[in-house]
Each structure stands twice: as C-alpha cells, then as structure tokens.
Amino acid sequence: MYGLAKFNKTKSCLILILGIFLVATICLANTLNIWFDEAYTLDTTSGTLRRAFSQAIIFEEQAPLYFIFIFLWQKIIGGIFFARLFSILSIGAAIYLSADLSKRYLPGVNPLILPLLIAVNPFSIWAALEIRLYAFSIFLSTVLLWLFYDGYLQDEDRYLKAQRYRWLFILVACISLYTHYFLGSILVANGLILLIFRQTKAWQDYLSHAVLILIISLPIVGMIIYQLSNLSDNIARSTASDQPTILTYLIKGLQKSFGSFFLHGLPALTPQTWAGIRLALFVVLLCSVLLNYRLIRPQISLIWLMMIAMLIQFSVVFAVIEDLHYRHASPMFIVSLMTMIGMCVAGSRYRWPMIKAYVLVNLTLSLICIGILYTPLAKPGDYRRVADYLMAHESKSQPILVYNQEVSMALSYYYTGQNILLPLPKPIDYRSFNINDFLLTSPDQIDVVLSSAQQNATAEIWLVADNKVLKGQEVFEPSFKILNTYIGDHYKVIDHKLFYGTKLLKLTKKDANIDSVIYSR
C-alpha cells in the first residue's frame, strides 16, 4: 500500500513538473518572434513534400526526416506557434520518459530529479522554442537510451523476453539517423559499452542489428558526402603554412565538446559564463568519484563510459567541421545530465547532501539564465515589435532597407505594411548557402538596391539593421563599415529606435555630408 502511494505521489509530481513546463513554453512560444534558423525551417517546409526533402539535403545540409515531419505537421494547422508546438511536445515527452530512464541508469536516485533538471534547463527550453530539429533530437536520444537498456542490458532470463525492445531500437535508430546524423554517436557508444562490459550475446546481437541499421541508412552516406563537399575542409587547410595545425583544430574540437557537456550539466549563457565557478564544482564532484570509485554502481559507470565515448566522437566532429556550434551536440544533453547526477551519488557517504547541493546549484544557474534570456520577451532581432513600429509610423513610398537578407527574411513574417522590404545586398537565394552572398563589398550594391525601389514620391527611407547576432561576427564587420559610411554620406537620421538586437533608423537625403554614426566599434 505504501509503495502504491509513493508511486502515485511520484507520478503526480512528474505531471506537475511537465504541466509547468508546458504552460511556460506554450506562453513563450506564442510571444517570441522567430529568428533566422526558424525562418529557414518555415521556408523549407512551406512548399511541397518533394521540396522539403530536397531543401533539407541541398540547402539546409541536414538529414531530411525532421523537415518532412514539420511539413506534415504544418498541414494540420499552419503558423509559427503550431510549428513550435512540435518541439515543445518533443521536450515534454523527453521529460516524461526521463523518470523511467533515471530508474534504469541512476538506481537509488529520486526519479524526479532528472525530469526536473530537464524541465528548467535553458538548453531544453531553448530547443522547445525553436522550429528546428534539436528538441526532437533530444526526444529521440531519450528513447534510444531507454530501449537500449531494456533491449540489451538485461540478465539472461529477461534478455530472451526483450526481443521486441531490440526491434523497436532498430526502428528508432533508423529514424534517428534520418533526423540528426549525430544521434549516431549514441549508437557507437552503446556498442562500445557492450564490448567493454563483455556482454557477449548482447554484443553479437547488437553488431548484427547495427549492420541492419547501416544497410537501411545507406542513403545517408551519399547525403553526408554531398553536404561535406560544401563545407570547409579543415584538415586539408591545416597543412598550409599560414593555417592552424591539425593539433589546433583538435584542441578546438575538445573545447567545443567539453563545453557542450558543461553547458548541459552546469547551465550557463555560454560555455565561458561563470567558467571558474562551474569548473570548481565539477572538480569537487570528480574528486568525490575518485575517492569512492570502489563503491560505484555498474549502471552509473555505464553512463559515464557512454559520456566519454560521446565526448571523444564530438571532439573529432567539432575538429573536422569548424562550422558546427554547441547546439549541434544536442544528442549529448540527456547523457550529460545523467553523468553529473551520477557523479553526485558515486558512493560517497555524503551522496545525499551532494545531490541536493547539485540540484540547488543547477536550478539556480538555470533560473538565472532563463531570467536573462527571456526577460525581453523576444528572441534576438525582436522582429515582431520592429514590424509593428514600422507599420505604425511609416508613410507610403518609404522603402525599407534591410541589412542583411536573413534579417529581411525573418522580418517578412511579421511586416505586412504598405512599403517594400529591400534586403541587402540582394534577396536570399534558397538554392544554395554561401556566406559571401550576405556580405556588402561595395557601396554600389546599396545604390542598385535603392534604385530598384523607384522612390519618386519621397526622399525618406527606413533602415533595419542587426545590432546583435551579425554585428558580433568578425566576417560582417567590413559590411557594417560600408553601410555606415554610405548612410553617413547620403542621409541624415530623423528617427531612431533600438529593439532587442535590431536598430531601426528613419532617414532622409541630405545635400552635404554630416557626421552620422550607425555602428561604432
């Protein structure tokens, strides 16, 4: 009777955690504007099923299945909010499953801890509010870990009865690879675990299943080869005398890989934020593990080995493909959190104070990050408010110059006014992605765009320019200098307003040069 009451209490608390997460993210999803990557997803999935498939591979340079799902999802109810709802439900499902996942990999730990830390983690909340594949990737990683344990990590009697879990694992593994290539890191880590733990029968079965998964996923090899051909070959470049060495790239790969691990396990705005404090906390946990290594339970050491295997794989991937970011390591998210929790309960007699302290620190860091990130009630660019301001203050025949075309792309989902958006240096080309297409190289490009507007009625124009995401990237610095000089030479500012990540100027032509600084560094 007591066990049933405890089960019901745990289930009620889990539903409460899930409910609070869903309410908070649904409210934010209905409020926040989209940004560049979300606008790309909306365009990729806005046409036919065939276009969604081809754009995912050719333009997005990703696996196609997520975009196909969103295409079909949008056929039920279109719009930005409903597209985000797919991600919210994906993280919600991961939260719900993580309680059972904790019972398997973290025995003796309150199964509510892992769902709670997922629900408040700024990375999972960010993923839930993105129309991108990261939330679905986290959900699939959770399912893979769950099916791997129930399908392969069983004693002899239970193993014979777990055949259905192994077939489900094969199915989900194939779905995962066609959704996010890097989910394959979990599959590799699983195989290494069975090999290290000498699970002979399970290892043999897993190897044969891996061959079947590979055969089903053979088309992915062609996709990856094509997509890698469009990326910078860092290994080849490192052989040049004026380029960093291979060792430099490997160090950067390690930094990004371990940075992702710390970002998930000890939340922060960036891997560098509060780095000293977070590193000190990790060292304390590591010392506790080393002092009590004889008392570590097999399931906990299993999850650590999985984490190490994934860290090695992502270190190599990050070293080879320089264009990747921390968000691409989303398959590590659940494993990272379980690793940190496992370090707290590795056998020390202070295990309960340590787990309580870790949960408190994790919640504190998470809530601080959430407060900073979502207090503006906008994503970088704030394009909904920018569009509202433009439509409230514009007059007819006032063209809107927008730097650059990604800003114009996101703004176009909200602006429905009486003027035309003029992206600089040219409209976006959805056939292929080339960073050079987004850079200003000459003032003549601005003249060409303005002349196309045929602005005969008035000498006034609006300028919308990024003030956060692009401005902080070195590659765009020359473009902003060209834009700044051109505006200073030809226009004077008659209205000026700052938004979250966007600067909006109303300009009128002038007869002589005056000092007019849009951006200063």
Protein backbone atom coordinates (compact mmCIF):
# COMPACT_ATOMS: atom_id res chain seq x y z
CA MET A 1 0.00 0.00 0.00
CA TYR A 2 2.86 2.34 0.90
CA GLY A 3 4.60 1.53 -2.40
CA LEU A 4 1.45 2.35 -4.37
CA ALA A 5 1.03 5.66 -2.54
CA LYS A 6 4.69 6.53 -3.24
CA PHE A 7 4.23 5.65 -6.92
CA ASN A 8 1.14 7.85 -7.18
CA LYS A 9 2.94 10.72 -5.48
CA THR A 10 5.89 10.41 -7.87
CA LYS A 11 3.56 10.30 -10.87
CA SER A 12 1.64 13.35 -9.62
CA CYS A 13 4.85 15.32 -9.11
CA LEU A 14 6.06 14.31 -12.58
CA ILE A 15 2.81 15.51 -14.14
CA LEU A 16 3.13 18.78 -12.17
CA ILE A 17 6.68 19.34 -13.48
CA LEU A 18 5.54 18.55 -17.01
CA GLY A 19 2.50 20.81 -16.69
CA ILE A 20 4.53 23.80 -15.51
CA PHE A 21 7.00 23.26 -18.37
CA LEU A 22 4.22 23.06 -20.96
CA VAL A 23 2.42 26.17 -19.70
CA ALA A 24 5.62 28.24 -19.58
CA THR A 25 6.91 27.20 -23.02
CA ILE A 26 3.50 27.49 -24.70
CA CYS A 27 3.16 31.06 -23.41
CA LEU A 28 6.66 31.93 -24.62
CA ALA A 29 6.10 30.21 -27.98
CA ASN A 30 3.07 32.42 -28.55
CA THR A 31 5.02 35.58 -27.64
CA LEU A 32 8.55 35.28 -29.02
CA ASN A 33 9.45 36.30 -32.55
CA ILE A 34 11.24 33.90 -34.87
CA TRP A 35 14.88 34.32 -35.79
CA PHE A 36 16.97 33.26 -38.78
CA ASP A 37 17.10 29.47 -38.37
CA GLU A 38 13.37 29.23 -37.69
CA ALA A 39 12.63 31.31 -40.78
CA TYR A 40 14.73 28.89 -42.82
CA THR A 41 12.71 25.94 -41.49
CA LEU A 42 9.43 27.67 -42.31
CA ASP A 43 10.59 28.30 -45.86
CA THR A 44 11.95 24.76 -46.31
CA THR A 45 8.61 23.25 -45.25
CA SER A 46 6.34 25.79 -46.98
CA GLY A 47 6.16 24.18 -50.41
CA THR A 48 5.68 20.60 -51.47
CA LEU A 49 6.86 17.44 -49.75
CA ARG A 50 9.42 16.97 -52.50
CA ARG A 51 10.78 20.48 -51.98
CA ALA A 52 11.01 19.96 -48.20
CA PHE A 53 13.04 16.80 -48.80
CA SER A 54 15.41 18.35 -51.35
CA GLN A 55 15.85 21.63 -49.47
CA ALA A 56 16.70 19.76 -46.27
CA ILE A 57 19.54 17.96 -48.03
CA ILE A 58 20.77 20.59 -50.50
CA PHE A 59 20.17 23.93 -48.76
CA GLU A 60 19.83 23.09 -45.05
CA GLU A 61 22.60 20.46 -45.39
CA GLN A 62 20.91 18.23 -42.84
CA ALA A 63 19.08 14.91 -42.64
CA PRO A 64 15.58 15.26 -44.12
CA LEU A 65 13.19 13.49 -41.73
CA TYR A 66 12.57 16.35 -39.28
CA PHE A 67 11.65 18.69 -42.13
CA ILE A 68 9.28 16.09 -43.56
CA PHE A 69 7.62 15.76 -40.15
CA ILE A 70 7.23 19.54 -39.88
CA PHE A 71 5.85 19.71 -43.42
CA LEU A 72 3.17 17.15 -42.48
CA TRP A 73 2.64 18.81 -39.07
CA GLN A 74 2.03 22.16 -40.77
CA LYS A 75 -0.63 20.55 -42.94
CA ILE A 76 -2.76 20.05 -39.82
CA ILE A 77 -2.55 23.69 -38.68
CA GLY A 78 -0.10 26.17 -40.15
CA GLY A 79 1.68 29.01 -38.43
CA ILE A 80 4.67 29.78 -36.25
CA PHE A 81 3.10 28.73 -32.94
CA PHE A 82 1.94 25.33 -34.18
CA ALA A 83 5.35 24.65 -35.74
CA ARG A 84 6.94 25.37 -32.35
CA LEU A 85 4.42 23.11 -30.63
CA PHE A 86 6.10 20.09 -32.24
CA SER A 87 9.33 20.97 -30.41
CA ILE A 88 7.52 21.68 -27.14
CA LEU A 89 5.81 18.29 -27.22
CA SER A 90 9.12 16.60 -28.08
CA ILE A 91 10.81 18.00 -24.96
CA GLY A 92 7.65 17.30 -22.94
CA ALA A 93 7.79 13.64 -23.99
CA ALA A 94 11.50 13.50 -23.09
CA ILE A 95 10.71 14.91 -19.62
CA TYR A 96 8.02 12.28 -19.09
CA LEU A 97 10.22 9.37 -20.23
CA SER A 98 13.25 10.58 -18.27
CA ALA A 99 11.74 9.48 -14.95
CA ASP A 100 11.82 5.84 -16.10
CA LEU A 101 15.22 6.45 -17.66
CA SER A 102 16.54 7.60 -14.30
CA LYS A 103 15.30 4.42 -12.60
CA ARG A 104 17.33 2.37 -15.08
CA TYR A 105 20.61 4.26 -15.23
CA LEU A 106 20.61 6.04 -11.85
CA PRO A 107 19.40 3.48 -9.28
CA GLY A 108 18.78 4.87 -5.83
CA VAL A 109 18.29 8.41 -7.13
CA ASN A 110 14.92 10.11 -6.84
CA PRO A 111 13.47 9.63 -10.34
CA LEU A 112 12.02 13.15 -10.28
CA ILE A 113 15.43 14.83 -10.25
CA LEU A 114 16.26 14.19 -13.90
CA PRO A 115 12.85 15.37 -15.23
CA LEU A 116 13.06 18.48 -13.04
CA LEU A 117 16.53 19.41 -14.31
CA ILE A 118 15.48 18.85 -17.93
CA ALA A 119 12.33 20.96 -17.48
CA VAL A 120 14.22 24.02 -16.19
CA ASN A 121 17.41 23.67 -18.22
CA PRO A 122 17.85 26.71 -20.51
CA PHE A 123 19.08 24.48 -23.34
CA SER A 124 15.98 22.27 -23.35
CA ILE A 125 13.70 25.33 -23.06
CA TRP A 126 15.57 26.97 -25.93
CA ALA A 127 15.21 23.80 -28.01
CA ALA A 128 11.49 23.62 -27.20
CA LEU A 129 11.02 27.16 -28.55
CA GLU A 130 12.91 26.53 -31.80
CA ILE A 131 11.41 25.39 -35.08
CA ARG A 132 14.49 23.24 -35.56
CA LEU A 133 15.40 19.59 -35.02
CA TYR A 134 17.13 19.91 -31.63
CA ALA A 135 14.11 19.20 -29.42
CA PHE A 136 13.15 16.16 -31.50
CA SER A 137 16.78 15.04 -31.32
CA ILE A 138 16.67 15.18 -27.50
CA PHE A 139 13.46 13.14 -27.51
CA LEU A 140 14.97 10.51 -29.82
CA SER A 141 18.11 10.28 -27.69
CA THR A 142 15.92 9.62 -24.65
CA VAL A 143 14.05 6.85 -26.44
CA LEU A 144 17.30 5.29 -27.71
CA LEU A 145 18.77 5.18 -24.20
CA TRP A 146 15.56 3.67 -22.81
CA LEU A 147 15.28 0.96 -25.50
CA PHE A 148 18.99 0.15 -25.32
CA TYR A 149 18.74 -0.57 -21.60
CA ASP A 150 15.58 -2.66 -21.87
CA GLY A 151 16.70 -4.43 -25.04
CA TYR A 152 20.35 -5.23 -24.40
CA LEU A 153 21.34 -4.63 -20.76
CA GLN A 154 19.32 -7.45 -19.19
CA ASP A 155 20.19 -10.69 -17.42
CA GLU A 156 19.85 -13.96 -19.34
CA ASP A 157 16.19 -14.65 -18.50
CA ARG A 158 14.97 -11.12 -19.23
CA TYR A 159 17.14 -10.84 -22.32
CA LEU A 160 15.23 -13.61 -24.09
CA LYS A 161 11.95 -11.76 -23.44
CA ALA A 162 13.28 -8.39 -24.62
CA GLN A 163 13.27 -9.11 -28.35
CA ARG A 164 10.55 -6.55 -29.06
CA TYR A 165 12.64 -3.80 -27.45
CA ARG A 166 15.55 -4.64 -29.75
CA TRP A 167 13.34 -4.40 -32.85
CA LEU A 168 11.97 -1.10 -31.59
CA PHE A 169 15.56 0.05 -31.02
CA ILE A 170 16.40 -0.71 -34.66
CA LEU A 171 13.35 1.28 -35.83
CA VAL A 172 14.10 4.30 -33.63
CA ALA A 173 17.81 4.16 -34.55
CA CYS A 174 16.94 4.42 -38.25
CA ILE A 175 14.52 7.29 -37.58
CA SER A 176 17.24 9.00 -35.54
CA LEU A 177 19.88 8.79 -38.26
CA TYR A 178 17.47 10.18 -40.84
CA THR A 179 16.67 13.02 -38.41
CA HIS A 180 20.03 14.05 -36.95
CA TYR A 181 23.26 12.42 -38.07
CA PHE A 182 24.95 13.00 -34.72
CA LEU A 183 22.48 10.72 -32.93
CA GLY A 184 24.72 8.03 -34.36
CA SER A 185 27.14 8.90 -31.56
CA ILE A 186 24.77 7.15 -29.13
CA LEU A 187 24.72 4.04 -31.30
CA VAL A 188 28.53 3.89 -31.37
CA ALA A 189 28.72 4.47 -27.60
CA ASN A 190 26.21 1.67 -26.98
CA GLY A 191 28.31 -0.80 -28.94
CA LEU A 192 31.46 0.14 -27.03
CA ILE A 193 29.66 -0.34 -23.72
CA LEU A 194 28.56 -3.87 -24.60
CA LEU A 195 32.10 -4.66 -25.74
CA ILE A 196 33.72 -3.26 -22.58
CA PHE A 197 31.25 -4.98 -20.26
CA ARG A 198 31.76 -8.26 -22.15
CA GLN A 199 28.09 -8.84 -22.83
CA THR A 200 28.89 -11.44 -25.48
CA LYS A 201 25.39 -12.41 -26.58
CA ALA A 202 24.13 -8.83 -26.46
CA TRP A 203 27.22 -7.61 -28.31
CA GLN A 204 26.77 -10.13 -31.10
CA ASP A 205 23.10 -9.23 -31.48
CA TYR A 206 23.88 -5.53 -31.36
CA LEU A 207 26.54 -5.91 -34.04
CA SER A 208 24.13 -7.71 -36.37
CA HIS A 209 21.47 -5.08 -35.66
CA ALA A 210 23.99 -2.31 -36.34
CA VAL A 211 24.68 -3.85 -39.75
CA LEU A 212 20.94 -3.85 -40.48
CA ILE A 213 20.67 -0.20 -39.36
CA LEU A 214 23.64 0.68 -41.58
CA ILE A 215 22.09 -1.01 -44.62
CA ILE A 216 18.79 0.81 -44.10
CA SER A 217 20.68 4.07 -43.63
CA LEU A 218 22.99 3.73 -46.65
CA PRO A 219 21.35 6.67 -48.49
CA ILE A 220 22.57 8.88 -45.64
CA VAL A 221 26.17 8.22 -46.68
CA GLY A 222 25.53 9.88 -50.04
CA MET A 223 23.83 12.82 -48.33
CA ILE A 224 26.75 13.33 -45.95
CA ILE A 225 29.34 13.13 -48.72
CA TYR A 226 27.44 15.75 -50.73
CA GLN A 227 26.98 18.04 -47.74
CA LEU A 228 30.58 17.77 -46.57
CA SER A 229 31.72 18.80 -50.03
CA ASN A 230 30.12 22.19 -49.36
CA LEU A 231 31.88 22.71 -46.03
CA SER A 232 35.40 23.90 -45.31
CA ASP A 233 37.89 21.02 -45.22
CA ASN A 234 39.77 21.97 -42.06
CA ILE A 235 42.12 19.01 -42.17
CA ALA A 236 43.29 19.89 -45.69
CA ARG A 237 43.66 23.56 -44.84
CA SER A 238 45.71 22.77 -41.75
CA THR A 239 48.55 21.52 -43.94
CA ALA A 240 49.14 25.03 -45.31
CA SER A 241 51.87 27.03 -43.64
CA ASP A 242 49.64 30.01 -42.92
CA GLN A 243 46.85 27.93 -41.36
CA PRO A 244 46.45 26.47 -37.86
CA THR A 245 47.81 22.96 -37.36
CA ILE A 246 45.76 19.80 -37.00
CA LEU A 247 46.53 19.92 -33.28
CA THR A 248 44.91 23.37 -33.09
CA TYR A 249 41.73 22.02 -34.64
CA LEU A 250 41.71 19.04 -32.27
CA ILE A 251 42.06 21.37 -29.28
CA LYS A 252 39.14 23.46 -30.58
CA GLY A 253 37.17 20.24 -31.00
CA LEU A 254 37.86 19.25 -27.40
CA GLN A 255 36.89 22.72 -26.20
CA LYS A 256 33.55 22.60 -28.02
CA SER A 257 32.84 19.02 -27.00
CA PHE A 258 33.55 19.55 -23.29
CA GLY A 259 31.96 23.00 -23.50
CA SER A 260 28.73 21.35 -24.62
CA PHE A 261 28.94 18.87 -21.74
CA PHE A 262 29.38 21.63 -19.15
CA LEU A 263 26.70 23.76 -20.81
CA HIS A 264 24.21 20.92 -20.35
CA GLY A 265 25.28 19.71 -16.92
CA LEU A 266 26.04 23.09 -15.31
CA PRO A 267 23.85 25.60 -17.20
CA ALA A 268 25.15 28.99 -18.31
CA LEU A 269 24.52 31.57 -21.00
CA THR A 270 27.66 30.45 -22.84
CA PRO A 271 30.38 27.87 -22.08
CA GLN A 272 32.57 30.75 -20.86
CA THR A 273 29.99 32.23 -18.46
CA TRP A 274 30.86 31.66 -14.79
CA ALA A 275 33.54 29.25 -16.05
CA GLY A 276 35.63 29.31 -12.86
CA ILE A 277 32.73 28.54 -10.52
CA ARG A 278 31.33 25.79 -12.74
CA LEU A 279 34.74 24.18 -13.23
CA ALA A 280 35.34 24.23 -9.46
CA LEU A 281 32.02 22.45 -8.86
CA PHE A 282 32.93 19.82 -11.42
CA VAL A 283 36.35 19.26 -9.82
CA VAL A 284 34.68 18.72 -6.42
CA LEU A 285 32.40 16.08 -7.93
CA LEU A 286 35.30 14.44 -9.77
CA CYS A 287 37.36 14.21 -6.57
CA SER A 288 34.42 12.55 -4.83
CA VAL A 289 34.21 9.98 -7.63
CA LEU A 290 37.94 9.21 -7.46
CA LEU A 291 37.86 8.82 -3.68
CA ASN A 292 34.93 6.41 -3.80
CA TYR A 293 35.46 4.58 -7.08
CA ARG A 294 35.14 1.13 -5.43
CA LEU A 295 31.53 1.85 -4.44
CA ILE A 296 30.32 2.95 -7.89
CA ARG A 297 27.32 1.00 -9.17
CA PRO A 298 27.63 -0.62 -12.64
CA GLN A 299 24.75 1.39 -14.12
CA ILE A 300 26.44 4.66 -13.17
CA SER A 301 29.81 3.65 -14.58
CA LEU A 302 27.91 2.60 -17.72
CA ILE A 303 26.52 6.10 -18.27
CA TRP A 304 29.97 7.59 -17.67
CA LEU A 305 31.52 5.36 -20.31
CA MET A 306 28.77 6.42 -22.68
CA MET A 307 29.55 10.07 -21.94
CA ILE A 308 33.28 9.56 -22.54
CA ALA A 309 32.61 7.80 -25.84
CA MET A 310 30.33 10.62 -26.99
CA LEU A 311 32.80 13.29 -25.91
CA ILE A 312 35.53 11.65 -27.99
CA GLN A 313 33.27 11.39 -31.03
CA PHE A 314 32.08 15.00 -30.80
CA SER A 315 35.64 16.23 -30.25
CA VAL A 316 36.58 14.72 -33.60
CA VAL A 317 33.45 16.00 -35.35
CA PHE A 318 33.90 19.53 -33.98
CA ALA A 319 37.56 19.46 -35.04
CA VAL A 320 36.80 18.37 -38.59
CA ILE A 321 33.73 20.56 -39.19
CA GLU A 322 34.50 24.06 -37.96
CA ASP A 323 31.04 25.47 -38.80
CA LEU A 324 29.29 23.42 -36.09
CA HIS A 325 28.03 25.04 -32.89
CA TYR A 326 27.27 23.84 -29.36
CA ARG A 327 23.62 23.26 -30.23
CA HIS A 328 24.62 20.51 -32.65
CA ALA A 329 25.69 18.40 -29.67
CA SER A 330 22.06 18.00 -28.53
CA PRO A 331 22.38 14.16 -28.53
CA MET A 332 24.69 14.59 -25.51
CA PHE A 333 22.14 16.56 -23.48
CA ILE A 334 20.39 13.76 -21.55
CA VAL A 335 23.63 11.80 -21.07
CA SER A 336 25.37 14.92 -19.74
CA LEU A 337 22.73 15.50 -17.08
CA MET A 338 22.73 11.84 -16.03
CA THR A 339 26.54 11.92 -15.86
CA MET A 340 26.51 14.89 -13.49
CA ILE A 341 23.82 13.33 -11.29
CA GLY A 342 25.77 10.07 -11.24
CA MET A 343 28.90 11.91 -10.09
CA CYS A 344 26.97 13.17 -7.07
CA VAL A 345 25.92 9.68 -5.96
CA ALA A 346 29.06 7.75 -6.85
CA GLY A 347 29.31 6.07 -3.45
CA SER A 348 30.30 8.85 -1.09
CA ARG A 349 28.74 8.88 2.36
CA TYR A 350 27.85 12.49 1.56
CA ARG A 351 25.90 11.46 -1.51
CA TRP A 352 22.57 12.96 -0.42
CA PRO A 353 23.99 16.35 0.60
CA MET A 354 25.91 16.39 -2.68
CA ILE A 355 22.92 15.57 -4.84
CA LYS A 356 20.84 18.20 -3.03
CA ALA A 357 23.61 20.76 -3.46
CA TYR A 358 23.97 19.94 -7.17
CA VAL A 359 20.23 20.20 -7.78
CA LEU A 360 20.15 23.55 -5.96
CA VAL A 361 23.11 24.90 -7.94
CA ASN A 362 21.71 23.58 -11.22
CA LEU A 363 18.28 25.11 -10.57
CA THR A 364 19.84 28.42 -9.54
CA LEU A 365 22.01 28.64 -12.65
CA SER A 366 19.10 27.59 -14.85
CA LEU A 367 16.67 30.14 -13.43
CA ILE A 368 19.24 32.96 -13.72
CA CYS A 369 19.83 32.07 -17.38
CA ILE A 370 16.11 31.81 -18.10
CA GLY A 371 15.52 35.19 -16.49
CA ILE A 372 18.26 36.84 -18.57
CA LEU A 373 17.27 35.14 -21.83
CA TYR A 374 13.52 35.66 -21.72
CA THR A 375 13.04 38.91 -19.79
CA PRO A 376 12.95 40.84 -23.12
CA LEU A 377 10.10 38.53 -24.22
CA ALA A 378 11.78 38.39 -27.61
CA LYS A 379 14.42 36.45 -29.47
CA PRO A 380 17.34 38.38 -30.99
CA GLY A 381 16.02 40.70 -33.67
CA ASP A 382 12.67 41.38 -31.98
CA TYR A 383 11.14 41.36 -35.46
CA ARG A 384 7.52 41.33 -34.33
CA ARG A 385 7.94 44.66 -32.50
CA VAL A 386 10.08 46.09 -35.30
CA ALA A 387 7.32 45.31 -37.79
CA ASP A 388 4.64 46.78 -35.51
CA TYR A 389 6.63 50.01 -35.12
CA LEU A 390 7.23 50.30 -38.85
CA MET A 391 3.58 49.79 -39.69
CA ALA A 392 2.52 52.34 -37.07
CA HIS A 393 4.93 55.09 -38.17
CA GLU A 394 5.57 54.61 -41.88
CA SER A 395 4.13 56.57 -44.78
CA LYS A 396 3.58 55.41 -48.31
CA SER A 397 6.60 55.35 -50.64
CA GLN A 398 9.17 54.92 -47.85
CA PRO A 399 11.21 51.87 -48.89
CA ILE A 400 12.66 49.78 -46.05
CA LEU A 401 16.33 48.95 -46.50
CA VAL A 402 17.27 45.80 -44.53
CA TYR A 403 20.73 44.51 -43.79
CA ASN A 404 21.04 41.66 -44.38
CA GLN A 405 18.75 39.25 -46.22
CA GLU A 406 18.43 36.94 -43.18
CA VAL A 407 17.06 39.87 -41.20
CA SER A 408 14.70 40.64 -44.06
CA MET A 409 13.62 37.00 -44.24
CA ALA A 410 12.66 36.88 -40.54
CA LEU A 411 11.07 40.37 -40.59
CA SER A 412 8.91 39.45 -43.59
CA TYR A 413 6.89 37.02 -41.44
CA TYR A 414 5.56 39.99 -39.42
CA TYR A 415 5.69 43.02 -41.71
CA THR A 416 2.52 43.48 -43.78
CA GLY A 417 2.75 47.25 -44.29
CA GLN A 418 2.43 49.45 -47.35
CA ASN A 419 6.10 49.63 -48.29
CA ILE A 420 8.62 47.19 -49.70
CA LEU A 421 11.44 45.41 -47.84
CA LEU A 422 14.75 45.82 -49.70
CA PRO A 423 17.24 43.18 -48.49
CA LEU A 424 20.95 43.99 -48.76
CA PRO A 425 22.99 43.08 -50.65
CA LYS A 426 20.32 41.08 -52.57
CA PRO A 427 17.32 38.80 -51.95
CA ILE A 428 18.15 35.49 -50.33
CA ASP A 429 18.93 32.56 -52.63
CA TYR A 430 17.31 29.40 -51.26
CA ARG A 431 19.09 27.15 -53.76
CA SER A 432 22.47 27.20 -52.01
CA PHE A 433 24.05 28.82 -48.98
CA ASN A 434 27.19 30.90 -49.49
CA ILE A 435 28.35 33.34 -46.82
CA ASN A 436 29.70 35.71 -49.49
CA ASP A 437 26.13 36.33 -50.66
CA PHE A 438 25.41 38.00 -47.31
CA LEU A 439 28.32 40.45 -47.32
CA LEU A 440 28.49 44.01 -48.61
CA THR A 441 31.61 44.59 -50.68
CA SER A 442 30.84 47.96 -52.30
CA PRO A 443 28.55 50.99 -51.81
CA ASP A 444 27.36 50.39 -55.37
CA GLN A 445 25.37 47.40 -54.10
CA ILE A 446 23.29 49.77 -51.96
CA ASP A 447 22.74 52.10 -54.92
CA VAL A 448 21.48 49.20 -57.04
CA VAL A 449 19.01 48.08 -54.38
CA LEU A 450 17.69 51.61 -53.75
CA SER A 451 17.31 52.36 -57.44
CA SER A 452 15.15 49.27 -57.84
CA ALA A 453 12.58 50.79 -55.44
CA GLN A 454 11.85 53.73 -57.79
CA GLN A 455 11.34 56.07 -54.86
CA ASN A 456 9.90 59.11 -56.67
CA ALA A 457 7.43 60.35 -54.08
CA THR A 458 9.73 60.94 -51.12
CA ALA A 459 13.39 61.12 -50.18
CA GLU A 460 12.75 59.25 -46.91
CA ILE A 461 13.65 55.63 -46.30
CA TRP A 462 13.88 53.27 -43.32
CA LEU A 463 16.92 51.23 -42.41
CA VAL A 464 16.62 48.00 -40.42
CA ALA A 465 19.94 46.52 -39.36
CA ASP A 466 21.05 43.80 -36.97
CA ASN A 467 22.55 45.01 -33.70
CA LYS A 468 23.39 41.70 -32.01
CA VAL A 469 23.81 38.40 -33.89
CA LEU A 470 25.56 39.57 -37.07
CA LYS A 471 27.23 42.59 -35.55
CA GLY A 472 29.20 40.36 -33.19
CA GLN A 473 30.71 38.29 -36.01
CA GLU A 474 34.03 39.38 -37.46
CA VAL A 475 33.09 38.38 -41.01
CA PHE A 476 30.34 41.03 -41.13
CA GLU A 477 32.44 43.91 -39.78
CA PRO A 478 33.52 45.26 -43.22
CA SER A 479 29.89 45.16 -44.39
CA PHE A 480 28.72 47.28 -41.47
CA LYS A 481 31.53 49.78 -42.14
CA ILE A 482 30.43 50.12 -45.78
CA LEU A 483 26.81 50.57 -44.73
CA ASN A 484 27.74 53.09 -42.03
CA THR A 485 29.84 55.17 -44.44
CA TYR A 486 27.18 55.13 -47.15
CA ILE A 487 24.40 56.27 -44.81
CA GLY A 488 26.64 58.94 -43.29
CA ASP A 489 27.48 60.30 -46.75
CA HIS A 490 23.96 60.37 -48.20
CA TYR A 491 21.39 60.55 -45.38
CA LYS A 492 20.63 62.11 -42.04
CA VAL A 493 18.71 60.40 -39.22
CA ILE A 494 15.26 61.80 -38.43
CA ASP A 495 14.01 58.91 -36.28
CA HIS A 496 15.89 56.33 -34.29
CA LYS A 497 14.77 53.36 -32.19
CA LEU A 498 16.55 50.39 -30.64
CA PHE A 499 14.94 46.98 -30.26
CA TYR A 500 16.30 43.75 -28.81
CA GLY A 501 19.03 43.03 -31.34
CA THR A 502 17.84 45.43 -34.04
CA LYS A 503 18.49 49.09 -34.82
CA LEU A 504 15.78 50.96 -36.74
CA LEU A 505 16.52 54.32 -38.41
CA LYS A 506 14.33 56.65 -40.41
CA LEU A 507 16.49 58.53 -42.92
CA THR A 508 16.14 61.43 -45.28
CA LYS A 509 18.52 62.53 -48.03
CA LYS A 510 20.89 65.37 -47.34
CA ASP A 511 22.75 67.78 -49.55
CA ALA A 512 26.05 67.75 -47.69
CA ASN A 513 27.95 65.26 -45.54
CA ILE A 514 27.29 65.26 -41.82
CA ASP A 515 28.52 63.03 -39.02
CA SER A 516 26.10 60.11 -38.74
CA VAL A 517 27.27 57.01 -36.94
CA ILE A 518 25.14 53.89 -37.10
CA TYR A 519 27.68 51.50 -35.68
CA SER A 520 30.84 52.25 -33.79
CA ARG A 521 33.23 49.68 -32.50
